[in-house]
C-alpha atoms as a PDB file:
ATOM      1  CA  UNK A   1      -0.045   0.019   0.008  1.00  0.00           C
ATOM      2  CA  UNK A   2       1.203   3.527  -0.730  1.00  0.00           C
ATOM      3  CA  UNK A   3       2.741   5.514   2.223  1.00  0.00           C
ATOM      4  CA  UNK A   4       2.987   9.270   2.651  1.00  0.00           C
ATOM      5  CA  UNK A   5       5.904  10.267   4.971  1.00  0.00           C
ATOM      6  CA  UNK A   6       6.041   6.570   6.105  1.00  0.00           C
ATOM      7  CA  UNK A   7       2.317   6.494   7.151  1.00  0.00           C
ATOM      8  CA  UNK A   8      -0.116   4.033   5.628  1.00  0.00           C
ATOM      9  CA  UNK A   9      -2.960   6.384   4.771  1.00  0.00           C
ATOM     10  CA  UNK A  10      -5.448   3.500   4.191  1.00  0.00           C
ATOM     11  CA  UNK A  11      -4.999   2.194   7.773  1.00  0.00           C
ATOM     12  CA  UNK A  12      -5.192   5.750   9.115  1.00  0.00           C
ATOM     13  CA  UNK A  13      -8.503   6.355   7.381  1.00  0.00           C
ATOM     14  CA  UNK A  14      -9.840   2.930   8.242  1.00  0.00           C
ATOM     15  CA  UNK A  15      -9.129   3.356  11.905  1.00  0.00           C
ATOM     16  CA  UNK A  16     -10.124   7.058  12.268  1.00  0.00           C
ATOM     17  CA  UNK A  17     -12.947   7.861   9.866  1.00  0.00           C
ATOM     18  CA  UNK A  18     -16.384   6.953  11.195  1.00  0.00           C
ATOM     19  CA  UNK A  19     -18.952   6.028  12.231  1.00  0.00           C
ATOM     20  CA  UNK A  20     -20.078   5.007   8.834  1.00  0.00           C
ATOM     21  CA  UNK A  21     -22.911   2.945   7.476  1.00  0.00           C
ATOM     22  CA  UNK A  22     -22.772  -0.784   6.868  1.00  0.00           C
ATOM     23  CA  UNK A  23     -23.067  -2.041   3.326  1.00  0.00           C
ATOM     24  CA  UNK A  24     -22.898  -5.239   1.339  1.00  0.00           C
ATOM     25  CA  UNK A  25     -21.202  -5.659  -2.019  1.00  0.00           C
ATOM     26  CA  UNK A  26     -22.486  -8.521  -4.202  1.00  0.00           C
ATOM     27  CA  UNK A  27     -20.326 -10.315  -6.755  1.00  0.00           C
ATOM     28  CA  UNK A  28     -22.190 -12.541  -9.172  1.00  0.00           C
ATOM     29  CA  UNK A  29     -20.138 -15.528 -10.565  1.00  0.00           C
ATOM     30  CA  UNK A  30     -21.665 -16.828 -13.755  1.00  0.00           C
ATOM     31  CA  UNK A  31     -22.450 -20.434 -14.307  1.00  0.00           C
ATOM     32  CA  UNK A  32     -21.093 -22.521 -17.281  1.00  0.00           C
ATOM     33  CA  UNK A  33     -23.105 -24.097 -20.127  1.00  0.00           C
ATOM     34  CA  UNK A  34     -23.299 -27.821 -20.578  1.00  0.00           C
ATOM     35  CA  UNK A  35     -21.737 -28.607 -23.965  1.00  0.00           C
ATOM     36  CA  UNK A  36     -24.137 -31.584 -24.309  1.00  0.00           C
ATOM     37  CA  UNK A  37     -27.214 -29.392 -23.788  1.00  0.00           C
ATOM     38  CA  UNK A  38     -26.355 -25.879 -25.008  1.00  0.00           C
ATOM     39  CA  UNK A  39     -30.088 -24.699 -24.904  1.00  0.00           C
ATOM     40  CA  UNK A  40     -30.330 -25.313 -21.192  1.00  0.00           C
ATOM     41  CA  UNK A  41     -28.513 -22.107 -20.360  1.00  0.00           C
ATOM     42  CA  UNK A  42     -25.761 -21.551 -17.803  1.00  0.00           C
ATOM     43  CA  UNK A  43     -25.737 -23.809 -14.688  1.00  0.00           C
ATOM     44  CA  UNK A  44     -24.205 -23.446 -11.289  1.00  0.00           C
ATOM     45  CA  UNK A  45     -23.745 -19.661 -10.896  1.00  0.00           C
ATOM     46  CA  UNK A  46     -23.629 -18.147  -7.469  1.00  0.00           C
ATOM     47  CA  UNK A  47     -23.236 -14.778  -5.623  1.00  0.00           C
ATOM     48  CA  UNK A  48     -20.576 -13.904  -3.063  1.00  0.00           C
ATOM     49  CA  UNK A  49     -21.130 -11.198  -0.517  1.00  0.00           C
ATOM     50  CA  UNK A  50     -18.683  -8.731   0.992  1.00  0.00           C
ATOM     51  CA  UNK A  51     -19.458  -6.373   3.929  1.00  0.00           C
ATOM     52  CA  UNK A  52     -17.953  -2.951   4.139  1.00  0.00           C
ATOM     53  CA  UNK A  53     -18.283   0.440   5.859  1.00  0.00           C
ATOM     54  CA  UNK A  54     -19.057   3.467   3.737  1.00  0.00           C
ATOM     55  CA  UNK A  55     -21.245   6.433   2.886  1.00  0.00           C
ATOM     56  CA  UNK A  56     -24.086   6.885   0.380  1.00  0.00           C
ATOM     57  CA  UNK A  57     -24.945  10.248  -1.084  1.00  0.00           C
ATOM     58  CA  UNK A  58     -26.818  11.947  -3.950  1.00  0.00           C
ATOM     59  CA  UNK A  59     -25.131  13.559  -6.901  1.00  0.00           C
ATOM     60  CA  UNK A  60     -25.430  17.353  -6.833  1.00  0.00           C
ATOM     61  CA  UNK A  61     -27.908  18.822  -9.413  1.00  0.00           C
ATOM     62  CA  UNK A  62     -25.095  20.361 -11.433  1.00  0.00           C
ATOM     63  CA  UNK A  63     -23.357  16.958 -11.641  1.00  0.00           C
ATOM     64  CA  UNK A  64     -26.459  15.214 -13.190  1.00  0.00           C
ATOM     65  CA  UNK A  65     -26.248  15.266 -17.055  1.00  0.00           C
ATOM     66  CA  UNK A  66     -28.743  12.518 -17.784  1.00  0.00           C
ATOM     67  CA  UNK A  67     -26.277  10.783 -19.942  1.00  0.00           C
ATOM     68  CA  UNK A  68     -23.198   9.693 -17.829  1.00  0.00           C
ATOM     69  CA  UNK A  69     -24.852  10.527 -14.446  1.00  0.00           C
ATOM     70  CA  UNK A  70     -28.595  10.050 -13.939  1.00  0.00           C
ATOM     71  CA  UNK A  71     -30.868  11.565 -11.350  1.00  0.00           C
ATOM     72  CA  UNK A  72     -31.258   8.144  -9.549  1.00  0.00           C
ATOM     73  CA  UNK A  73     -27.370   7.494  -9.371  1.00  0.00           C
ATOM     74  CA  UNK A  74     -25.626   7.575  -5.997  1.00  0.00           C
ATOM     75  CA  UNK A  75     -22.067   8.113  -4.888  1.00  0.00           C
ATOM     76  CA  UNK A  76     -21.027   5.289  -2.575  1.00  0.00           C
ATOM     77  CA  UNK A  77     -17.729   5.737  -0.776  1.00  0.00           C
ATOM     78  CA  UNK A  78     -16.223   2.434   0.526  1.00  0.00           C
ATOM     79  CA  UNK A  79     -13.281   2.266   2.905  1.00  0.00           C
ATOM     80  CA  UNK A  80     -10.888  -0.140   1.349  1.00  0.00           C
ATOM     81  CA  UNK A  81      -9.719  -1.959   4.543  1.00  0.00           C
ATOM     82  CA  UNK A  82     -13.218  -2.449   5.798  1.00  0.00           C
ATOM     83  CA  UNK A  83     -14.197  -4.815   2.856  1.00  0.00           C
ATOM     84  CA  UNK A  84     -14.484  -8.317   4.294  1.00  0.00           C
ATOM     85  CA  UNK A  85     -13.605 -10.665   2.633  1.00  0.00           C
ATOM     86  CA  UNK A  86     -11.269  -8.357   0.573  1.00  0.00           C
ATOM     87  CA  UNK A  87     -12.262  -7.642  -2.944  1.00  0.00           C
ATOM     88  CA  UNK A  88     -11.872  -4.682  -5.359  1.00  0.00           C
ATOM     89  CA  UNK A  89     -15.185  -3.224  -6.433  1.00  0.00           C
ATOM     90  CA  UNK A  90     -15.754  -3.486 -10.165  1.00  0.00           C
ATOM     91  CA  UNK A  91     -18.392  -2.440 -12.695  1.00  0.00           C
ATOM     92  CA  UNK A  92     -21.340  -4.832 -12.728  1.00  0.00           C
ATOM     93  CA  UNK A  93     -21.251  -5.585  -9.028  1.00  0.00           C
ATOM     94  CA  UNK A  94     -24.259  -4.685  -6.844  1.00  0.00           C
ATOM     95  CA  UNK A  95     -24.345  -2.657  -3.598  1.00  0.00           C
ATOM     96  CA  UNK A  96     -26.898  -2.295  -0.765  1.00  0.00           C
ATOM     97  CA  UNK A  97     -26.639   0.104   2.194  1.00  0.00           C
ATOM     98  CA  UNK A  98     -28.277  -0.311   5.596  1.00  0.00           C
ATOM     99  CA  UNK A  99     -30.209   2.929   5.527  1.00  0.00           C
ATOM    100  CA  UNK A 100     -31.439   2.754   1.854  1.00  0.00           C
ATOM    101  CA  UNK A 101     -34.116   0.468   0.341  1.00  0.00           C
ATOM    102  CA  UNK A 102     -32.455   0.152  -3.064  1.00  0.00           C
ATOM    103  CA  UNK A 103     -29.975  -2.288  -4.533  1.00  0.00           C
ATOM    104  CA  UNK A 104     -27.570  -0.407  -6.831  1.00  0.00           C
ATOM    105  CA  UNK A 105     -25.522  -1.587  -9.781  1.00  0.00           C
ATOM    106  CA  UNK A 106     -21.946  -0.302  -9.928  1.00  0.00           C
ATOM    107  CA  UNK A 107     -21.466   1.702 -13.095  1.00  0.00           C
ATOM    108  CA  UNK A 108     -17.968   3.172 -12.438  1.00  0.00           C
ATOM    109  CA  UNK A 109     -15.340   2.816  -9.727  1.00  0.00           C
ATOM    110  CA  UNK A 110     -12.571   5.282  -8.838  1.00  0.00           C
ATOM    111  CA  UNK A 111      -9.706   4.632  -6.313  1.00  0.00           C
ATOM    112  CA  UNK A 112      -8.000   7.403  -4.501  1.00  0.00           C
ATOM    113  CA  UNK A 113      -4.204   7.517  -4.882  1.00  0.00           C
ATOM    114  CA  UNK A 114      -3.589   6.128  -1.352  1.00  0.00           C
ATOM    115  CA  UNK A 115      -5.802   3.157  -2.033  1.00  0.00           C
ATOM    116  CA  UNK A 116      -7.689   4.105   1.052  1.00  0.00           C
ATOM    117  CA  UNK A 117     -11.199   4.390  -0.496  1.00  0.00           C
ATOM    118  CA  UNK A 118     -13.269   3.458  -3.590  1.00  0.00           C
ATOM    119  CA  UNK A 119     -15.834   5.885  -4.893  1.00  0.00           C
ATOM    120  CA  UNK A 120     -18.547   3.938  -6.749  1.00  0.00           C
ATOM    121  CA  UNK A 121     -21.135   5.454  -9.110  1.00  0.00           C
ATOM    122  CA  UNK A 122     -24.108   3.289  -8.413  1.00  0.00           C
ATOM    123  CA  UNK A 123     -27.360   3.155 -10.342  1.00  0.00           C
ATOM    124  CA  UNK A 124     -30.761   1.717  -9.386  1.00  0.00           C
END
């Protein structure tokens, strides 16, 4: 992990930023097709879950362009070291947060230079 003046920024943020909301990151693993029965569709897919601590917020009105960012999109900030079991958020994953009724699909993920947080653009 990157250090600034010999300090692990990701650990500093993980230990000192909070309290935050609990969230769940869902990663779908696709099944495989049976070569003997290709019309049956994929078989054996599953979903893995990863818990984390983070923040959910609306995009400001001046950020919404109705092309790249829609009105129902949310910013979800995830503390990197809080993800358990560890995984890197990726486009196509799903996120749910404890104080929100929706399940969001990850559209875009940005990581800060210190690898301390991920900022996900998430869409209903």
